[in-house]
N, C-alpha and C. Protein backbone atom coordinates (compact mmCIF):
# COMPACT_ATOMS: atom_id res chain seq x y z
N MET A 1 6.74 -8.77 0.42
CA MET A 1 5.43 -8.00 0.98
C MET A 1 5.69 -6.64 0.43
N LEU A 2 4.69 -5.73 1.20
CA LEU A 2 4.63 -4.32 0.87
C LEU A 2 3.99 -4.29 2.00
N THR A 3 4.28 -3.47 2.57
CA THR A 3 4.29 -2.97 4.11
C THR A 3 3.38 -1.54 3.80
N ILE A 4 2.17 -1.21 4.55
CA ILE A 4 2.42 -0.04 3.52
C ILE A 4 1.13 1.14 4.89
N GLU A 5 1.17 2.47 4.88
CA GLU A 5 0.51 2.86 5.69
C GLU A 5 -0.47 4.15 5.16
N ILE A 6 -1.12 4.03 5.95
CA ILE A 6 -2.15 5.45 5.21
C ILE A 6 -1.98 6.15 6.16
N ILE A 7 -1.93 7.11 6.22
CA ILE A 7 -2.36 9.06 7.01
C ILE A 7 -3.60 9.49 6.11
N ASP A 8 -4.56 10.03 7.27
CA ASP A 8 -6.10 10.18 6.89
C ASP A 8 -5.40 12.60 7.23
N GLU A 9 -5.06 12.85 6.61
CA GLU A 9 -5.48 14.15 6.82
C GLU A 9 -6.39 15.68 6.13
N GLN A 10 -7.01 14.80 5.91
CA GLN A 10 -8.64 15.51 5.24
C GLN A 10 -9.47 15.39 5.57
N ASN A 11 -10.56 15.88 5.81
CA ASN A 11 -11.88 15.86 6.87
C ASN A 11 -12.88 14.88 5.98
N GLN A 12 -12.81 14.69 4.76
CA GLN A 12 -14.17 14.33 4.56
C GLN A 12 -13.40 12.49 4.23
N SER A 13 -14.96 11.50 5.38
CA SER A 13 -14.39 10.68 5.96
C SER A 13 -14.54 9.12 4.80
N LEU A 14 -13.47 8.44 4.97
CA LEU A 14 -13.30 6.84 3.65
C LEU A 14 -13.75 5.44 4.59
N THR A 15 -14.67 5.03 4.73
CA THR A 15 -14.87 4.45 5.04
C THR A 15 -13.85 3.09 5.71
N ASP A 16 -14.03 2.43 6.18
CA ASP A 16 -12.59 0.85 6.78
C ASP A 16 -12.52 0.37 4.98
N GLN A 17 -13.43 -0.17 4.46
CA GLN A 17 -13.76 -0.55 3.10
C GLN A 17 -12.83 0.07 2.23
N GLN A 18 -13.18 1.06 1.99
CA GLN A 18 -12.59 2.13 1.02
C GLN A 18 -10.84 2.00 1.12
N LEU A 19 -10.48 1.72 2.47
CA LEU A 19 -9.32 2.33 2.83
C LEU A 19 -8.48 0.92 2.13
N GLN A 20 -8.99 -0.01 3.01
CA GLN A 20 -8.68 -1.56 2.58
C GLN A 20 -8.62 -1.64 1.43
N LEU A 21 -9.19 -1.25 0.41
CA LEU A 21 -9.83 -1.06 -0.85
C LEU A 21 -7.78 -0.64 -1.55
N VAL A 22 -7.71 0.74 -0.69
CA VAL A 22 -6.73 1.38 -1.07
C VAL A 22 -5.04 0.47 -0.95
N ARG A 23 -5.52 0.00 -0.22
CA ARG A 23 -4.40 -1.74 0.49
C ARG A 23 -4.59 -2.67 -0.45
N THR A 24 -5.24 -2.75 -1.27
CA THR A 24 -5.46 -4.26 -1.72
C THR A 24 -4.61 -3.70 -3.70
N CYS A 25 -5.61 -2.36 -3.80
CA CYS A 25 -4.71 -2.28 -5.29
C CYS A 25 -3.56 -2.24 -5.05
N LEU A 26 -2.24 -1.35 -3.73
CA LEU A 26 -1.20 -1.62 -3.86
C LEU A 26 -0.58 -2.43 -3.95
N GLU A 27 -1.37 -3.64 -3.04
CA GLU A 27 -0.53 -4.81 -2.93
C GLU A 27 -0.55 -5.89 -4.36
N ALA A 28 -2.08 -5.34 -4.96
CA ALA A 28 -1.81 -6.02 -5.89
C ALA A 28 -1.03 -5.39 -6.95
N ALA A 29 -0.93 -4.24 -6.96
CA ALA A 29 0.45 -3.69 -8.18
C ALA A 29 1.35 -4.07 -7.58
N ALA A 30 1.62 -4.38 -6.51
CA ALA A 30 3.32 -4.66 -5.42
C ALA A 30 3.57 -6.01 -6.62
N ALA A 31 2.41 -7.19 -6.78
CA ALA A 31 2.57 -8.33 -6.87
C ALA A 31 2.85 -8.71 -8.16
N ALA A 32 1.62 -7.53 -8.89
CA ALA A 32 1.99 -8.10 -10.48
C ALA A 32 2.83 -7.26 -10.94
N GLU A 33 3.57 -6.15 -10.31
CA GLU A 33 5.40 -6.20 -10.69
C GLU A 33 6.46 -7.02 -10.32
N GLU A 34 6.14 -7.60 -9.01
CA GLU A 34 7.31 -8.40 -8.37
C GLU A 34 8.11 -7.77 -7.41
N VAL A 35 7.24 -6.16 -6.56
CA VAL A 35 8.45 -5.85 -5.72
C VAL A 35 7.43 -6.27 -4.12
N THR A 36 9.05 -5.99 -3.28
CA THR A 36 7.88 -5.70 -2.37
C THR A 36 8.58 -4.61 -1.20
N GLY A 37 8.64 -3.71 -0.34
CA GLY A 37 8.69 -2.45 0.26
C GLY A 37 7.87 -2.50 0.90
N GLU A 38 8.02 -0.66 1.39
CA GLU A 38 7.49 -0.09 2.03
C GLU A 38 6.77 1.42 1.25
N VAL A 39 5.43 1.86 1.92
CA VAL A 39 4.87 2.82 1.07
C VAL A 39 4.18 3.71 1.81
N VAL A 40 4.35 4.49 1.30
CA VAL A 40 3.17 6.34 2.23
C VAL A 40 2.32 6.38 1.61
N VAL A 41 0.54 6.23 2.11
CA VAL A 41 -0.06 6.82 1.20
C VAL A 41 -0.82 7.72 2.33
N THR A 42 -0.21 8.93 2.13
CA THR A 42 -1.30 10.31 2.73
C THR A 42 -2.51 10.55 2.08
N LEU A 43 -3.54 10.73 2.44
CA LEU A 43 -5.15 11.01 2.03
C LEU A 43 -5.24 12.91 2.64
N VAL A 44 -5.44 13.53 1.73
CA VAL A 44 -4.96 15.21 1.62
C VAL A 44 -5.85 15.84 1.06
N ASP A 45 -6.77 16.83 1.36
CA ASP A 45 -7.38 18.16 0.34
C ASP A 45 -6.46 18.59 -0.39
N ASP A 46 -8.14 19.34 -1.08
CA ASP A 46 -6.77 19.86 -2.61
C ASP A 46 -6.27 21.10 -2.46
N GLU A 47 -6.32 21.51 -0.96
CA GLU A 47 -5.35 22.95 -0.39
C GLU A 47 -4.33 22.52 -0.49
N ARG A 48 -4.10 21.21 0.28
CA ARG A 48 -2.24 21.01 0.34
C ARG A 48 -1.61 20.26 -1.10
N ILE A 49 -2.88 19.27 -1.48
CA ILE A 49 -2.29 18.74 -3.06
C ILE A 49 -1.79 20.01 -3.90
N HIS A 50 -2.51 21.45 -3.65
CA HIS A 50 -2.32 22.53 -4.98
C HIS A 50 -0.38 22.88 -4.44
N GLU A 51 -0.67 23.14 -2.91
CA GLU A 51 0.26 23.66 -2.17
C GLU A 51 2.06 22.66 -2.97
N LEU A 52 2.01 21.03 -2.84
CA LEU A 52 2.43 20.62 -3.26
C LEU A 52 2.93 20.62 -4.15
N ASN A 53 1.75 20.71 -4.85
CA ASN A 53 2.37 20.69 -6.71
C ASN A 53 3.14 21.79 -7.16
N ARG A 54 2.15 22.67 -6.14
CA ARG A 54 3.65 23.67 -7.01
C ARG A 54 4.59 24.03 -6.02
N GLN A 55 4.95 23.34 -5.18
CA GLN A 55 5.98 22.83 -4.12
C GLN A 55 6.95 22.57 -5.29
N TYR A 56 6.54 21.52 -5.59
CA TYR A 56 7.85 20.53 -6.09
C TYR A 56 7.58 20.04 -7.47
N ARG A 57 6.05 20.78 -8.62
CA ARG A 57 6.31 20.51 -9.87
C ARG A 57 6.31 21.68 -10.77
N GLY A 58 5.39 22.92 -9.56
CA GLY A 58 5.97 24.08 -10.02
C GLY A 58 4.59 24.97 -10.69
N ILE A 59 3.52 24.18 -10.47
CA ILE A 59 2.45 23.62 -10.90
C ILE A 59 2.01 23.92 -10.12
N ASP A 60 0.66 25.36 -10.19
CA ASP A 60 -0.34 26.44 -9.61
C ASP A 60 -1.80 25.45 -9.29
N ARG A 61 -1.67 24.77 -9.95
CA ARG A 61 -2.82 23.88 -9.43
C ARG A 61 -3.39 23.07 -8.44
N PRO A 62 -4.25 22.30 -8.17
CA PRO A 62 -4.82 21.06 -7.02
C PRO A 62 -4.67 19.82 -8.02
N THR A 63 -3.89 18.60 -7.86
CA THR A 63 -4.27 17.68 -9.18
C THR A 63 -4.17 16.41 -8.10
N ASP A 64 -4.52 15.54 -9.43
CA ASP A 64 -5.64 14.13 -7.81
C ASP A 64 -4.16 13.71 -7.51
N VAL A 65 -3.49 13.42 -7.32
CA VAL A 65 -2.18 12.24 -7.25
C VAL A 65 -0.84 12.96 -7.52
N LEU A 66 -0.33 12.53 -6.10
CA LEU A 66 1.27 13.05 -6.79
C LEU A 66 2.28 11.69 -5.65
N SER A 67 3.24 11.69 -6.00
CA SER A 67 4.29 10.10 -6.23
C SER A 67 5.31 10.99 -5.85
N PHE A 68 6.40 10.45 -4.52
CA PHE A 68 7.51 10.69 -4.21
C PHE A 68 8.18 9.41 -4.43
N ALA A 69 8.95 9.45 -5.33
CA ALA A 69 9.80 7.72 -4.85
C ALA A 69 11.03 7.97 -4.32
N MET A 70 11.34 7.32 -4.11
CA MET A 70 13.04 7.77 -2.56
C MET A 70 13.65 6.56 -3.11
N ASN A 71 13.89 5.69 -4.69
CA ASN A 71 14.41 5.24 -4.83
C ASN A 71 15.51 5.96 -6.32
N GLU A 72 14.79 6.51 -6.78
CA GLU A 72 15.22 7.75 -7.47
C GLU A 72 16.56 8.79 -7.15
N THR A 73 17.59 8.91 -7.66
CA THR A 73 18.49 10.42 -7.20
C THR A 73 17.63 11.90 -7.95
N GLY A 74 17.18 12.68 -7.17
CA GLY A 74 17.22 14.50 -7.43
C GLY A 74 18.40 14.82 -8.33
N GLU A 75 17.88 15.72 -8.39
CA GLU A 75 19.40 17.11 -8.69
C GLU A 75 19.37 17.48 -7.64
N GLY A 76 20.92 17.48 -7.99
CA GLY A 76 21.36 18.49 -6.22
C GLY A 76 21.74 16.77 -4.93
N GLU A 77 21.07 15.74 -5.33
CA GLU A 77 20.95 14.55 -4.53
C GLU A 77 22.31 14.15 -4.07
N MET A 78 22.93 14.23 -2.56
CA MET A 78 24.36 12.72 -3.15
C MET A 78 23.63 11.92 -3.49
N ASP A 79 25.04 10.50 -3.97
CA ASP A 79 24.66 9.07 -3.68
C ASP A 79 24.65 8.74 -2.24
N ILE A 80 24.10 7.61 -2.37
CA ILE A 80 24.21 7.13 -0.93
C ILE A 80 25.39 5.69 -1.39
N LEU A 81 27.09 5.91 -0.56
CA LEU A 81 27.55 4.71 -1.27
C LEU A 81 27.46 3.14 0.10
N MET A 82 27.20 2.17 -0.80
CA MET A 82 26.97 1.13 0.50
C MET A 82 26.80 -0.11 0.21
N ASP A 83 27.69 -0.88 0.73
CA ASP A 83 28.28 -2.70 0.43
C ASP A 83 26.59 -2.96 -0.25
N ASP A 84 26.62 -4.55 -0.71
CA ASP A 84 25.23 -4.57 -1.74
C ASP A 84 24.67 -5.09 -0.46
N GLU A 85 25.77 -5.90 0.61
CA GLU A 85 24.79 -6.61 1.79
C GLU A 85 24.35 -6.32 3.04
N ASP A 86 24.72 -4.14 2.63
CA ASP A 86 24.61 -3.14 3.64
C ASP A 86 22.71 -3.34 2.67
N TRP A 87 22.12 -2.91 1.96
CA TRP A 87 21.25 -2.73 1.51
C TRP A 87 20.75 -3.63 2.01
N SER A 88 20.80 -4.75 1.93
CA SER A 88 20.36 -5.86 2.13
C SER A 88 19.38 -6.15 3.52
N ASP A 89 20.02 -5.30 4.77
CA ASP A 89 19.53 -5.27 5.64
C ASP A 89 18.39 -3.89 5.88
N MET A 90 18.23 -2.80 5.19
CA MET A 90 17.67 -2.16 5.08
C MET A 90 16.00 -2.18 4.62
N PRO A 91 15.10 -1.63 4.80
CA PRO A 91 14.04 -1.48 4.27
C PRO A 91 14.06 -0.64 3.14
N ASN A 92 13.08 -1.51 1.78
CA ASN A 92 13.49 -0.81 0.14
C ASN A 92 12.44 0.66 0.36
N MET A 93 12.89 1.43 1.10
CA MET A 93 11.78 2.64 0.65
C MET A 93 11.07 2.92 -0.56
N LEU A 94 9.95 2.45 -1.43
CA LEU A 94 9.52 3.21 -2.58
C LEU A 94 9.02 4.00 -2.08
N GLY A 95 8.69 5.04 -1.54
CA GLY A 95 8.39 6.43 -1.08
C GLY A 95 6.93 7.02 -1.34
N ASP A 96 6.47 7.62 -0.89
CA ASP A 96 5.84 8.77 -0.90
C ASP A 96 4.04 8.87 -1.81
N ILE A 97 3.03 8.41 -1.94
CA ILE A 97 1.90 8.37 -2.38
C ILE A 97 1.19 9.31 -1.92
N VAL A 98 0.88 10.67 -2.43
CA VAL A 98 -0.07 11.72 -2.34
C VAL A 98 -1.89 11.97 -2.57
N ILE A 99 -2.72 11.50 -2.25
CA ILE A 99 -4.00 11.40 -2.65
C ILE A 99 -4.60 12.75 -2.79
N SER A 100 -5.38 13.53 -3.06
CA SER A 100 -6.17 14.42 -3.22
C SER A 100 -7.70 13.88 -3.74
N VAL A 101 -8.41 13.35 -1.80
CA VAL A 101 -9.79 12.67 -1.45
C VAL A 101 -10.80 14.11 -2.51
N PRO A 102 -11.12 15.11 -2.61
CA PRO A 102 -12.21 15.96 -3.07
C PRO A 102 -11.61 15.14 -4.95
N LYS A 103 -10.73 15.48 -4.82
CA LYS A 103 -10.44 15.36 -6.15
C LYS A 103 -10.50 14.31 -6.90
N ALA A 104 -10.77 13.06 -5.81
CA ALA A 104 -10.77 11.66 -6.53
C ALA A 104 -12.57 11.95 -6.58
N VAL A 105 -13.59 12.54 -5.74
CA VAL A 105 -14.43 12.48 -5.73
C VAL A 105 -15.17 13.50 -6.38
N SER A 106 -15.06 14.46 -7.24
CA SER A 106 -15.34 14.74 -7.95
C SER A 106 -14.50 14.38 -9.74
N GLN A 107 -13.49 13.33 -9.55
CA GLN A 107 -13.17 12.49 -10.71
C GLN A 107 -14.13 11.68 -11.08
N ALA A 108 -14.67 10.87 -9.80
CA ALA A 108 -15.65 9.54 -10.47
C ALA A 108 -16.52 10.08 -10.20
N GLU A 109 -17.66 11.45 -10.15
CA GLU A 109 -18.51 12.14 -11.01
C GLU A 109 -18.51 12.45 -11.94
N GLU A 110 -17.45 12.91 -12.56
CA GLU A 110 -17.46 12.96 -14.01
C GLU A 110 -17.07 12.30 -14.87
N TYR A 111 -16.35 11.17 -14.82
CA TYR A 111 -15.67 9.88 -15.41
C TYR A 111 -17.37 8.61 -15.37
N GLY A 112 -18.33 9.04 -14.86
CA GLY A 112 -18.72 8.22 -13.73
C GLY A 112 -19.07 7.03 -13.62
N HIS A 113 -17.64 6.78 -12.78
CA HIS A 113 -17.59 5.52 -11.50
C HIS A 113 -18.06 6.02 -10.94
N SER A 114 -17.38 4.68 -9.75
CA SER A 114 -17.69 4.60 -8.55
C SER A 114 -16.42 5.22 -7.80
N LEU A 115 -16.58 6.14 -6.79
CA LEU A 115 -15.41 6.61 -5.52
C LEU A 115 -14.16 5.62 -5.59
N GLU A 116 -14.84 4.24 -4.94
CA GLU A 116 -13.41 3.10 -5.33
C GLU A 116 -13.38 2.69 -6.02
N ARG A 117 -13.29 3.15 -7.22
CA ARG A 117 -12.19 2.13 -9.12
C ARG A 117 -11.48 4.28 -9.20
N GLU A 118 -11.77 5.16 -8.82
CA GLU A 118 -11.08 6.60 -8.29
C GLU A 118 -10.33 6.86 -7.62
N LEU A 119 -10.38 5.97 -6.44
CA LEU A 119 -9.55 5.48 -5.02
C LEU A 119 -8.26 4.04 -5.74
N GLY A 120 -9.09 3.50 -6.60
CA GLY A 120 -7.80 2.71 -7.06
C GLY A 120 -7.03 2.95 -8.20
N PHE A 121 -7.30 3.24 -8.64
CA PHE A 121 -6.74 4.04 -10.03
C PHE A 121 -5.52 5.69 -9.28
N LEU A 122 -5.86 6.20 -8.72
CA LEU A 122 -5.23 6.94 -8.06
C LEU A 122 -3.65 6.30 -7.21
N ALA A 123 -4.57 4.97 -6.48
CA ALA A 123 -2.99 4.33 -6.12
C ALA A 123 -2.27 3.88 -6.86
N VAL A 124 -3.25 2.89 -7.40
CA VAL A 124 -2.05 2.49 -8.59
C VAL A 124 -1.24 2.68 -9.56
N HIS A 125 -2.09 4.18 -10.05
CA HIS A 125 -1.20 5.55 -10.22
C HIS A 125 0.34 5.66 -9.82
N GLY A 126 -0.10 6.27 -9.20
CA GLY A 126 1.06 6.66 -8.32
C GLY A 126 1.32 5.67 -7.89
N PHE A 127 1.07 4.71 -7.85
CA PHE A 127 2.01 3.67 -6.84
C PHE A 127 3.63 2.93 -8.18
N LEU A 128 2.77 3.20 -9.36
CA LEU A 128 3.79 2.95 -10.97
C LEU A 128 4.90 3.95 -11.21
N HIS A 129 3.96 4.90 -10.66
CA HIS A 129 5.69 6.54 -10.60
C HIS A 129 6.05 6.23 -10.32
N LEU A 130 6.25 5.12 -9.06
CA LEU A 130 7.25 4.69 -7.63
C LEU A 130 8.38 4.62 -8.22
N LEU A 131 7.59 3.70 -8.89
CA LEU A 131 8.89 2.47 -9.35
C LEU A 131 9.04 2.51 -10.74
N GLY A 132 8.66 3.63 -11.33
CA GLY A 132 9.27 4.75 -12.89
C GLY A 132 8.91 4.57 -14.08
N TYR A 133 7.25 4.23 -13.64
CA TYR A 133 6.62 4.47 -14.97
C TYR A 133 6.31 5.69 -15.21
N ASP A 134 5.81 6.66 -16.44
CA ASP A 134 5.29 7.89 -16.73
C ASP A 134 4.73 7.71 -17.78
N HIS A 135 3.85 9.25 -17.63
CA HIS A 135 3.01 9.09 -19.30
C HIS A 135 4.04 10.19 -19.50
N GLY A 136 4.77 10.60 -20.44
CA GLY A 136 5.11 12.19 -20.76
C GLY A 136 4.87 11.88 -22.05
N THR A 137 5.11 10.70 -22.37
CA THR A 137 5.53 10.39 -24.32
C THR A 137 3.86 9.26 -24.55
N GLU A 138 3.51 9.12 -25.66
CA GLU A 138 2.16 8.11 -26.13
C GLU A 138 2.65 6.65 -25.90
N SER A 139 3.84 6.54 -25.82
CA SER A 139 4.54 5.33 -26.06
C SER A 139 4.01 4.89 -24.48
N GLU A 140 5.13 6.12 -23.58
CA GLU A 140 4.88 6.12 -22.12
C GLU A 140 4.01 5.66 -21.43
N GLU A 141 2.58 6.48 -21.67
CA GLU A 141 0.98 6.67 -21.00
C GLU A 141 0.48 5.01 -21.77
N ALA A 142 0.76 4.81 -22.83
CA ALA A 142 -0.04 3.40 -23.30
C ALA A 142 0.37 2.40 -22.19
N GLU A 143 1.63 2.86 -22.58
CA GLU A 143 2.07 1.13 -21.37
C GLU A 143 2.08 1.73 -19.71
N MET A 144 2.37 2.37 -19.48
CA MET A 144 1.54 3.08 -18.09
C MET A 144 0.42 2.31 -17.51
N PHE A 145 -1.02 3.05 -18.82
CA PHE A 145 -2.22 3.42 -18.42
C PHE A 145 -2.66 1.69 -18.94
N SER A 146 -2.53 1.06 -19.57
CA SER A 146 -2.31 -0.49 -19.62
C SER A 146 -2.11 -1.61 -18.57
N ARG A 147 -1.01 -0.88 -17.93
CA ARG A 147 -0.54 -1.52 -16.68
C ARG A 147 -1.69 -1.73 -15.33
N GLN A 148 -1.87 -0.08 -15.58
CA GLN A 148 -2.79 0.23 -14.09
C GLN A 148 -4.02 -0.63 -14.21
N GLU A 149 -4.30 -1.05 -15.92
CA GLU A 149 -5.87 -1.78 -15.94
C GLU A 149 -5.72 -2.51 -15.76
N GLN A 150 -4.97 -3.43 -16.00
CA GLN A 150 -4.35 -5.17 -15.82
C GLN A 150 -4.38 -4.96 -14.46
N ILE A 151 -4.20 -4.11 -13.80
CA ILE A 151 -4.10 -4.34 -12.58
C ILE A 151 -5.82 -4.46 -11.91
N LEU A 152 -6.27 -3.31 -12.42
CA LEU A 152 -7.66 -2.71 -11.71
C LEU A 152 -8.44 -4.69 -11.92
N GLN A 153 -8.27 -4.40 -13.15
CA GLN A 153 -9.52 -5.77 -13.89
C GLN A 153 -9.21 -6.47 -12.57
N LYS A 154 -8.10 -6.81 -12.10
CA LYS A 154 -7.12 -8.60 -11.59
C LYS A 154 -8.26 -8.65 -10.53
N ILE A 155 -8.50 -6.97 -9.69
CA ILE A 155 -9.38 -7.02 -8.38
C ILE A 155 -10.55 -6.95 -8.61
N GLY A 156 -11.15 -6.85 -9.96
CA GLY A 156 -12.71 -6.52 -10.12
C GLY A 156 -12.97 -4.70 -10.14
N LEU A 157 -11.83 -4.18 -10.06
CA LEU A 157 -11.97 -2.68 -10.41
C LEU A 157 -12.39 -1.98 -11.39
N THR A 158 -13.40 -2.74 -12.83
CA THR A 158 -14.01 -2.26 -14.01
C THR A 158 -14.20 -0.38 -14.69
N ARG A 159 -14.68 -0.42 -15.06
CA ARG A 159 -14.89 1.01 -15.60
C ARG A 159 -16.38 0.52 -15.17
């Protein structure tokens, strides 16, 4: 099972159906990848995602989605040493996904599809990043984007 918390920190109102769609997309991605755990999705404006992108990636512009995986070790972080049985009692915190709603709106218009399709795409894209998928090379990009499309098609969010 996937536990999802959605925090809305932006001014553009999304419908309950759109918020449920984000949940549905994440649940479908978790099922496809056969993972369980907890995810926090924060909906923000361009100013906030710009700030986060600059702070954590050194890129001084807004972006559409950021992912902060909890299950990977960053530079300078200490390893947490626990017995396997102790880990089984802990929730599997997969991480945080931050989505810029204004960016989702503009990209939906730019790509000629619905806001729902764009929100779903960004949610699944961010989720796959939490699991270690990346698109730094052509082969990684092909694998990640193919997986995204499979998940989105399964729930009827086609282009």
